Amino acid sequence: MEILRRIFGGGKPGERRDPNAIHFYVRCNKCGEKIRLRVDKRYDLMRDYDRGPGDVGSGYALRRDILGNKCFQMMHMQVFLDNSYRILSQDITGGEFITYEEYTAEEEGSA
């Protein structure tokens, strides 16, 4: 399967392939809940005109408020991407960004 992923592209092993989406993984600072966010490239991103000259824009901006299911701690996420959807900077309050591997890992101590 790794050879097919290299030929046709794809995300990390086990992650669903969605060409119109970017996935972010966050953890709440208050309760520790792990949350997967799907950001649609066509609808959820705003053109970032502040960082580039003229009317073209230098990339995209994403601002998202996140509320999990375990507690009422609101997290605020802000991400800037270039025109190829690569992350230039990311910031979150009330939580932290985690990797796909951290998101899928089982909690320590659970059997």
C-alpha atoms as a PDB file:
ATOM      1  CA  MET A   1       0.000   0.000   0.000  1.00  0.00           C
ATOM      2  CA  GLU A   2       2.930   2.334   0.620  1.00  0.00           C
ATOM      3  CA  ILE A   3       3.850   2.211  -3.079  1.00  0.00           C
ATOM      4  CA  LEU A   4       0.314   3.295  -4.053  1.00  0.00           C
ATOM      5  CA  ARG A   5       0.468   6.173  -1.572  1.00  0.00           C
ATOM      6  CA  ARG A   6       3.741   7.333  -3.137  1.00  0.00           C
ATOM      7  CA  ILE A   7       2.380   7.096  -6.692  1.00  0.00           C
ATOM      8  CA  PHE A   8      -1.050   8.648  -6.133  1.00  0.00           C
ATOM      9  CA  GLY A   9      -0.278  10.766  -3.108  1.00  0.00           C
ATOM     10  CA  GLY A  10      -2.008  10.573   0.194  1.00  0.00           C
ATOM     11  CA  GLY A  11      -1.839  11.377   3.823  1.00  0.00           C
ATOM     12  CA  LYS A  12      -0.458   9.411   6.680  1.00  0.00           C
ATOM     13  CA  PRO A  13      -1.187   5.666   6.900  1.00  0.00           C
ATOM     14  CA  GLY A  14      -4.717   5.144   8.203  1.00  0.00           C
ATOM     15  CA  GLU A  15      -5.772   8.719   7.518  1.00  0.00           C
ATOM     16  CA  ARG A  16      -8.611   9.242   5.069  1.00  0.00           C
ATOM     17  CA  ARG A  17      -7.673  10.900   1.767  1.00  0.00           C
ATOM     18  CA  ASP A  18      -9.714  14.014   1.040  1.00  0.00           C
ATOM     19  CA  PRO A  19      -8.300  16.353  -1.636  1.00  0.00           C
ATOM     20  CA  ASN A  20     -10.621  19.220  -0.630  1.00  0.00           C
ATOM     21  CA  ALA A  21      -9.733  19.183   3.058  1.00  0.00           C
ATOM     22  CA  ILE A  22      -6.962  19.930   5.504  1.00  0.00           C
ATOM     23  CA  HIS A  23      -7.066  18.115   8.833  1.00  0.00           C
ATOM     24  CA  PHE A  24      -5.917  19.579  12.128  1.00  0.00           C
ATOM     25  CA  TYR A  25      -5.624  17.715  15.414  1.00  0.00           C
ATOM     26  CA  VAL A  26      -5.910  19.539  18.738  1.00  0.00           C
ATOM     27  CA  ARG A  27      -6.074  18.662  22.440  1.00  0.00           C
ATOM     28  CA  CYS A  28      -8.062  20.655  25.010  1.00  0.00           C
ATOM     29  CA  ASN A  29      -5.919  22.044  27.839  1.00  0.00           C
ATOM     30  CA  LYS A  30      -8.726  21.641  30.373  1.00  0.00           C
ATOM     31  CA  CYS A  31     -10.029  18.095  29.855  1.00  0.00           C
ATOM     32  CA  GLY A  32      -7.466  16.569  27.467  1.00  0.00           C
ATOM     33  CA  GLU A  33     -10.031  15.683  24.793  1.00  0.00           C
ATOM     34  CA  LYS A  34      -8.477  15.094  21.369  1.00  0.00           C
ATOM     35  CA  ILE A  35     -10.375  16.649  18.474  1.00  0.00           C
ATOM     36  CA  ARG A  36     -10.004  16.188  14.722  1.00  0.00           C
ATOM     37  CA  LEU A  37     -10.941  19.216  12.618  1.00  0.00           C
ATOM     38  CA  ARG A  38     -11.756  19.031   8.938  1.00  0.00           C
ATOM     39  CA  VAL A  39     -11.207  22.317   7.110  1.00  0.00           C
ATOM     40  CA  ASP A  40     -12.675  22.508   3.620  1.00  0.00           C
ATOM     41  CA  LYS A  41     -10.297  24.320   1.245  1.00  0.00           C
ATOM     42  CA  ARG A  42     -13.210  25.598  -0.855  1.00  0.00           C
ATOM     43  CA  TYR A  43     -15.340  27.155   1.881  1.00  0.00           C
ATOM     44  CA  ASP A  44     -13.543  27.513   5.227  1.00  0.00           C
ATOM     45  CA  LEU A  45     -10.434  29.454   4.192  1.00  0.00           C
ATOM     46  CA  MET A  46     -10.295  33.218   3.694  1.00  0.00           C
ATOM     47  CA  ARG A  47      -7.934  34.908   1.245  1.00  0.00           C
ATOM     48  CA  ASP A  48      -5.119  36.667   3.138  1.00  0.00           C
ATOM     49  CA  TYR A  49      -4.598  40.065   1.514  1.00  0.00           C
ATOM     50  CA  ASP A  50      -2.739  41.582   4.474  1.00  0.00           C
ATOM     51  CA  ARG A  51       0.451  39.624   3.859  1.00  0.00           C
ATOM     52  CA  GLY A  52       0.842  40.150   0.120  1.00  0.00           C
ATOM     53  CA  PRO A  53       0.907  43.014  -2.349  1.00  0.00           C
ATOM     54  CA  GLY A  54      -2.023  43.894  -4.566  1.00  0.00           C
ATOM     55  CA  ASP A  55      -5.276  42.064  -5.038  1.00  0.00           C
ATOM     56  CA  VAL A  56      -3.770  38.606  -5.450  1.00  0.00           C
ATOM     57  CA  GLY A  57      -3.184  37.728  -1.799  1.00  0.00           C
ATOM     58  CA  SER A  58      -0.310  35.754  -0.436  1.00  0.00           C
ATOM     59  CA  GLY A  59      -2.254  32.776   0.836  1.00  0.00           C
ATOM     60  CA  TYR A  60      -5.084  31.911   3.159  1.00  0.00           C
ATOM     61  CA  ALA A  61      -6.163  32.588   6.721  1.00  0.00           C
ATOM     62  CA  LEU A  62      -8.243  30.334   8.956  1.00  0.00           C
ATOM     63  CA  ARG A  63      -9.861  31.369  12.197  1.00  0.00           C
ATOM     64  CA  ARG A  64     -11.869  28.703  13.995  1.00  0.00           C
ATOM     65  CA  ASP A  65     -13.507  28.420  17.407  1.00  0.00           C
ATOM     66  CA  ILE A  66     -13.444  24.858  18.714  1.00  0.00           C
ATOM     67  CA  LEU A  67     -15.677  23.303  21.359  1.00  0.00           C
ATOM     68  CA  GLY A  68     -15.296  19.662  22.293  1.00  0.00           C
ATOM     69  CA  ASN A  69     -17.824  17.212  23.738  1.00  0.00           C
ATOM     70  CA  LYS A  70     -16.278  16.674  27.185  1.00  0.00           C
ATOM     71  CA  CYS A  71     -16.173  20.230  28.580  1.00  0.00           C
ATOM     72  CA  PHE A  72     -17.149  23.785  27.738  1.00  0.00           C
ATOM     73  CA  GLN A  73     -13.615  25.130  27.268  1.00  0.00           C
ATOM     74  CA  MET A  74     -13.605  27.192  24.063  1.00  0.00           C
ATOM     75  CA  MET A  75     -10.437  26.977  21.976  1.00  0.00           C
ATOM     76  CA  HIS A  76      -9.533  29.617  19.392  1.00  0.00           C
ATOM     77  CA  MET A  77      -7.361  28.617  16.437  1.00  0.00           C
ATOM     78  CA  GLN A  78      -5.665  30.869  13.880  1.00  0.00           C
ATOM     79  CA  VAL A  79      -3.647  29.469  10.979  1.00  0.00           C
ATOM     80  CA  PHE A  80      -1.978  31.153   8.002  1.00  0.00           C
ATOM     81  CA  LEU A  81      -1.241  29.105   4.869  1.00  0.00           C
ATOM     82  CA  ASP A  82       0.533  29.878   1.610  1.00  0.00           C
ATOM     83  CA  ASN A  83      -1.069  29.451  -1.824  1.00  0.00           C
ATOM     84  CA  SER A  84      -0.077  25.760  -1.817  1.00  0.00           C
ATOM     85  CA  TYR A  85      -1.885  25.198   1.521  1.00  0.00           C
ATOM     86  CA  ARG A  86       1.361  24.776   3.482  1.00  0.00           C
ATOM     87  CA  ILE A  87       1.199  26.080   7.028  1.00  0.00           C
ATOM     88  CA  LEU A  88       3.134  29.309   7.531  1.00  0.00           C
ATOM     89  CA  SER A  89       2.099  29.877  11.150  1.00  0.00           C
ATOM     90  CA  GLN A  90      -0.420  28.478  13.584  1.00  0.00           C
ATOM     91  CA  ASP A  91      -1.609  29.533  17.011  1.00  0.00           C
ATOM     92  CA  ILE A  92      -4.191  28.187  19.428  1.00  0.00           C
ATOM     93  CA  THR A  93      -5.472  29.356  22.805  1.00  0.00           C
ATOM     94  CA  GLY A  94      -7.122  26.990  25.273  1.00  0.00           C
ATOM     95  CA  GLY A  95      -5.528  23.951  23.654  1.00  0.00           C
ATOM     96  CA  GLU A  96      -2.560  22.630  21.740  1.00  0.00           C
ATOM     97  CA  PHE A  97      -1.904  21.247  18.287  1.00  0.00           C
ATOM     98  CA  ILE A  98      -1.048  17.550  18.234  1.00  0.00           C
ATOM     99  CA  THR A  99       0.120  15.174  15.513  1.00  0.00           C
ATOM    100  CA  TYR A 100      -1.969  12.541  13.766  1.00  0.00           C
ATOM    101  CA  GLU A 101      -0.002   9.884  15.669  1.00  0.00           C
ATOM    102  CA  GLU A 102      -0.820  11.538  19.007  1.00  0.00           C
ATOM    103  CA  TYR A 103      -4.468  11.776  17.987  1.00  0.00           C
ATOM    104  CA  THR A 104      -4.714   8.067  17.156  1.00  0.00           C
ATOM    105  CA  ALA A 105      -2.609   6.834  20.092  1.00  0.00           C
ATOM    106  CA  GLU A 106      -4.491   5.196  22.948  1.00  0.00           C
ATOM    107  CA  GLU A 107      -4.475   6.997  26.266  1.00  0.00           C
ATOM    108  CA  GLU A 108      -1.890   5.664  28.709  1.00  0.00           C
ATOM    109  CA  GLY A 109      -3.364   3.571  31.483  1.00  0.00           C
ATOM    110  CA  SER A 110      -6.452   2.427  29.565  1.00  0.00           C
ATOM    111  CA  ALA A 111      -6.754  -1.242  28.761  1.00  0.00           C
END
